[in-house]
Amino acid sequence: MSFDPPADAACSHHPQSEVLGRLLFAIRGSELSNCQLDYWPAMSGGVVLEWSEGPNAREARAALMSDLVDSGSVALRADDLTLDPDRLAQSGENVVHMRVDDVPVEFRARVPVGWSAFVENNREALRQMLRDEGQDGAA
């Protein structure tokens, strides 16, 4: 007697979840980890990643690609972040449509400040934290 689990069993392969995990892992090791990031499955399939007060979507994609190349990541390669040719017309500065292992991925920047301002804001926050720690240590 053999048992074959149903095709929709919880243990079946879900490329959408795998791609999301790989993207989040790659972002965690990049400058983009300082963004306030939200993510969810897209109603039409795929994944949406959205952040506020950070780089625009094109800058974020380019920065993530550079980080992946520099780190030699095997979980996600820069080659994986291909633009979606079917949705190029819907892409722009603040929204980029990509495909990772044939899973649609949408990068969205809400209230983008641009890469330079984003990096400077992060540096200033770090400086302020160090100043605050110095004042606490002096007391």
C-alpha atoms as a PDB file:
ATOM      1  CA  MET A   1       0.000   0.000   0.000  1.00  0.00           C
ATOM      2  CA  SER A   2       1.475   3.343  -0.990  1.00  0.00           C
ATOM      3  CA  PHE A   3       0.506   6.792   0.137  1.00  0.00           C
ATOM      4  CA  ASP A   4       0.809   9.710  -2.268  1.00  0.00           C
ATOM      5  CA  PRO A   5       0.154  13.094  -0.620  1.00  0.00           C
ATOM      6  CA  PRO A   6      -2.226  15.449  -2.425  1.00  0.00           C
ATOM      7  CA  ALA A   7      -0.604  17.951  -4.778  1.00  0.00           C
ATOM      8  CA  ASP A   8      -1.719  20.865  -2.584  1.00  0.00           C
ATOM      9  CA  ALA A   9      -0.252  19.439   0.630  1.00  0.00           C
ATOM     10  CA  ALA A  10       1.456  21.902   2.967  1.00  0.00           C
ATOM     11  CA  CYS A  11       4.838  20.362   2.200  1.00  0.00           C
ATOM     12  CA  SER A  12       4.615  20.980  -1.548  1.00  0.00           C
ATOM     13  CA  HIS A  13       7.047  23.373  -3.221  1.00  0.00           C
ATOM     14  CA  HIS A  14       5.925  27.031  -3.260  1.00  0.00           C
ATOM     15  CA  PRO A  15       8.216  29.049  -5.539  1.00  0.00           C
ATOM     16  CA  GLN A  16       6.615  32.337  -4.416  1.00  0.00           C
ATOM     17  CA  SER A  17       7.546  31.699  -0.765  1.00  0.00           C
ATOM     18  CA  GLU A  18      11.029  30.548  -1.736  1.00  0.00           C
ATOM     19  CA  VAL A  19      11.649  33.680  -3.818  1.00  0.00           C
ATOM     20  CA  LEU A  20      10.389  35.911  -0.995  1.00  0.00           C
ATOM     21  CA  GLY A  21      12.705  34.167   1.453  1.00  0.00           C
ATOM     22  CA  ARG A  22      15.681  34.528  -0.875  1.00  0.00           C
ATOM     23  CA  LEU A  23      14.935  38.220  -1.430  1.00  0.00           C
ATOM     24  CA  LEU A  24      14.552  38.947   2.284  1.00  0.00           C
ATOM     25  CA  PHE A  25      17.784  37.078   3.024  1.00  0.00           C
ATOM     26  CA  ALA A  26      19.617  39.135   0.395  1.00  0.00           C
ATOM     27  CA  ILE A  27      18.117  42.404   1.659  1.00  0.00           C
ATOM     28  CA  ARG A  28      19.070  41.546   5.243  1.00  0.00           C
ATOM     29  CA  GLY A  29      22.727  41.542   4.194  1.00  0.00           C
ATOM     30  CA  SER A  30      22.509  44.858   2.335  1.00  0.00           C
ATOM     31  CA  GLU A  31      22.172  48.567   3.042  1.00  0.00           C
ATOM     32  CA  LEU A  32      18.473  48.144   2.238  1.00  0.00           C
ATOM     33  CA  SER A  33      18.010  46.350   5.551  1.00  0.00           C
ATOM     34  CA  ASN A  34      17.734  49.836   7.104  1.00  0.00           C
ATOM     35  CA  CYS A  35      14.490  50.481   5.217  1.00  0.00           C
ATOM     36  CA  GLN A  36      11.119  49.978   6.825  1.00  0.00           C
ATOM     37  CA  LEU A  37      10.174  47.074   4.597  1.00  0.00           C
ATOM     38  CA  ASP A  38       6.754  45.520   4.073  1.00  0.00           C
ATOM     39  CA  TYR A  39       6.040  42.528   1.884  1.00  0.00           C
ATOM     40  CA  TRP A  40       3.053  40.438   0.892  1.00  0.00           C
ATOM     41  CA  PRO A  41       1.902  38.016  -1.791  1.00  0.00           C
ATOM     42  CA  ALA A  42       0.467  39.806  -4.806  1.00  0.00           C
ATOM     43  CA  MET A  43      -3.162  39.095  -5.642  1.00  0.00           C
ATOM     44  CA  SER A  44      -2.139  38.232  -9.210  1.00  0.00           C
ATOM     45  CA  GLY A  45       0.662  35.955  -8.021  1.00  0.00           C
ATOM     46  CA  GLY A  46       4.193  36.853  -7.079  1.00  0.00           C
ATOM     47  CA  VAL A  47       5.521  39.075  -4.340  1.00  0.00           C
ATOM     48  CA  VAL A  48       5.369  42.795  -3.507  1.00  0.00           C
ATOM     49  CA  LEU A  49       8.177  44.460  -1.511  1.00  0.00           C
ATOM     50  CA  GLU A  50       7.513  48.044  -0.404  1.00  0.00           C
ATOM     51  CA  TRP A  51       9.417  50.531   1.761  1.00  0.00           C
ATOM     52  CA  SER A  52       9.084  54.154   2.840  1.00  0.00           C
ATOM     53  CA  GLU A  53      11.554  57.033   2.952  1.00  0.00           C
ATOM     54  CA  GLY A  54      14.334  55.167   1.211  1.00  0.00           C
ATOM     55  CA  PRO A  55      15.842  54.922  -2.236  1.00  0.00           C
ATOM     56  CA  ASN A  56      13.615  54.867  -5.279  1.00  0.00           C
ATOM     57  CA  ALA A  57      12.878  51.420  -6.710  1.00  0.00           C
ATOM     58  CA  ARG A  58      15.498  51.565  -9.476  1.00  0.00           C
ATOM     59  CA  GLU A  59      18.186  52.623  -6.988  1.00  0.00           C
ATOM     60  CA  ALA A  60      17.131  49.861  -4.595  1.00  0.00           C
ATOM     61  CA  ARG A  61      17.351  47.224  -7.322  1.00  0.00           C
ATOM     62  CA  ALA A  62      20.775  48.484  -8.431  1.00  0.00           C
ATOM     63  CA  ALA A  63      22.063  48.596  -4.839  1.00  0.00           C
ATOM     64  CA  LEU A  64      20.817  45.084  -4.136  1.00  0.00           C
ATOM     65  CA  MET A  65      22.433  43.830  -7.345  1.00  0.00           C
ATOM     66  CA  SER A  66      25.763  45.427  -6.334  1.00  0.00           C
ATOM     67  CA  ASP A  67      25.564  43.900  -2.857  1.00  0.00           C
ATOM     68  CA  LEU A  68      24.847  40.476  -4.349  1.00  0.00           C
ATOM     69  CA  VAL A  69      27.818  40.720  -6.701  1.00  0.00           C
ATOM     70  CA  ASP A  70      30.115  41.950  -3.909  1.00  0.00           C
ATOM     71  CA  SER A  71      29.037  39.223  -1.485  1.00  0.00           C
ATOM     72  CA  GLY A  72      29.092  36.418  -4.043  1.00  0.00           C
ATOM     73  CA  SER A  73      25.635  35.362  -2.821  1.00  0.00           C
ATOM     74  CA  VAL A  74      24.438  31.927  -3.847  1.00  0.00           C
ATOM     75  CA  ALA A  75      20.954  32.336  -2.333  1.00  0.00           C
ATOM     76  CA  LEU A  76      20.180  35.108  -4.817  1.00  0.00           C
ATOM     77  CA  ARG A  77      22.388  36.242  -7.673  1.00  0.00           C
ATOM     78  CA  ALA A  78      22.328  39.613  -9.385  1.00  0.00           C
ATOM     79  CA  ASP A  79      21.336  37.728 -12.556  1.00  0.00           C
ATOM     80  CA  ASP A  80      18.148  36.647 -10.755  1.00  0.00           C
ATOM     81  CA  LEU A  81      16.864  40.237 -10.602  1.00  0.00           C
ATOM     82  CA  THR A  82      15.834  40.459 -14.251  1.00  0.00           C
ATOM     83  CA  LEU A  83      13.363  43.088 -15.362  1.00  0.00           C
ATOM     84  CA  ASP A  84       9.989  41.682 -16.345  1.00  0.00           C
ATOM     85  CA  PRO A  85       9.735  42.315 -20.111  1.00  0.00           C
ATOM     86  CA  ASP A  86       5.940  41.968 -20.010  1.00  0.00           C
ATOM     87  CA  ARG A  87       5.634  44.832 -17.478  1.00  0.00           C
ATOM     88  CA  LEU A  88       8.372  47.255 -18.528  1.00  0.00           C
ATOM     89  CA  ALA A  89       5.779  49.898 -19.409  1.00  0.00           C
ATOM     90  CA  GLN A  90       4.455  49.756 -15.819  1.00  0.00           C
ATOM     91  CA  SER A  91       7.920  50.182 -14.301  1.00  0.00           C
ATOM     92  CA  GLY A  92       9.402  53.557 -13.416  1.00  0.00           C
ATOM     93  CA  GLU A  93      11.493  55.298 -10.781  1.00  0.00           C
ATOM     94  CA  ASN A  94       9.282  54.235  -7.883  1.00  0.00           C
ATOM     95  CA  VAL A  95       8.059  50.836  -9.093  1.00  0.00           C
ATOM     96  CA  VAL A  96      10.177  48.138 -10.730  1.00  0.00           C
ATOM     97  CA  HIS A  97       8.730  44.867 -11.980  1.00  0.00           C
ATOM     98  CA  MET A  98      11.109  41.929 -12.000  1.00  0.00           C
ATOM     99  CA  ARG A  99      11.039  38.156 -12.276  1.00  0.00           C
ATOM    100  CA  VAL A 100      13.024  35.866  -9.989  1.00  0.00           C
ATOM    101  CA  ASP A 101      12.879  32.215 -11.073  1.00  0.00           C
ATOM    102  CA  ASP A 102       9.797  33.116 -13.108  1.00  0.00           C
ATOM    103  CA  VAL A 103       8.024  34.559 -10.030  1.00  0.00           C
ATOM    104  CA  PRO A 104       6.863  38.179 -10.511  1.00  0.00           C
ATOM    105  CA  VAL A 105       8.389  40.575  -7.986  1.00  0.00           C
ATOM    106  CA  GLU A 106       7.338  44.202  -7.592  1.00  0.00           C
ATOM    107  CA  PHE A 107       9.675  46.646  -5.819  1.00  0.00           C
ATOM    108  CA  ARG A 108       7.775  49.749  -4.624  1.00  0.00           C
ATOM    109  CA  ALA A 109       9.170  52.890  -3.054  1.00  0.00           C
ATOM    110  CA  ARG A 110       6.702  54.988  -1.083  1.00  0.00           C
ATOM    111  CA  VAL A 111       7.799  58.527  -0.347  1.00  0.00           C
ATOM    112  CA  PRO A 112      11.287  57.917  -1.795  1.00  0.00           C
ATOM    113  CA  VAL A 113      14.038  60.289  -0.713  1.00  0.00           C
ATOM    114  CA  GLY A 114      16.718  58.950  -3.071  1.00  0.00           C
ATOM    115  CA  TRP A 115      19.818  56.903  -2.344  1.00  0.00           C
ATOM    116  CA  SER A 116      22.079  59.761  -1.163  1.00  0.00           C
ATOM    117  CA  ALA A 117      19.546  61.120   1.314  1.00  0.00           C
ATOM    118  CA  PHE A 118      18.721  57.595   2.502  1.00  0.00           C
ATOM    119  CA  VAL A 119      22.394  56.827   3.229  1.00  0.00           C
ATOM    120  CA  GLU A 120      22.938  60.204   4.901  1.00  0.00           C
ATOM    121  CA  ASN A 121      19.804  59.771   7.047  1.00  0.00           C
ATOM    122  CA  ASN A 122      21.121  56.382   8.207  1.00  0.00           C
ATOM    123  CA  ARG A 123      24.525  57.891   9.032  1.00  0.00           C
ATOM    124  CA  GLU A 124      22.925  60.732  10.969  1.00  0.00           C
ATOM    125  CA  ALA A 125      20.771  58.282  12.940  1.00  0.00           C
ATOM    126  CA  LEU A 126      23.928  56.304  13.809  1.00  0.00           C
ATOM    127  CA  ARG A 127      25.754  59.496  14.844  1.00  0.00           C
ATOM    128  CA  GLN A 128      22.824  60.479  17.069  1.00  0.00           C
ATOM    129  CA  MET A 129      22.742  57.027  18.654  1.00  0.00           C
ATOM    130  CA  LEU A 130      26.493  57.256  19.404  1.00  0.00           C
ATOM    131  CA  ARG A 131      26.046  60.750  20.886  1.00  0.00           C
ATOM    132  CA  ASP A 132      23.186  59.499  23.058  1.00  0.00           C
ATOM    133  CA  GLU A 133      25.237  56.529  24.274  1.00  0.00           C
ATOM    134  CA  GLY A 134      28.140  58.865  25.067  1.00  0.00           C
ATOM    135  CA  GLN A 135      25.883  61.088  27.181  1.00  0.00           C
ATOM    136  CA  ASP A 136      24.457  58.064  29.021  1.00  0.00           C
ATOM    137  CA  GLY A 137      27.965  56.763  29.721  1.00  0.00           C
ATOM    138  CA  ALA A 138      29.097  60.143  31.085  1.00  0.00           C
ATOM    139  CA  ALA A 139      26.272  60.325  33.637  1.00  0.00           C
END
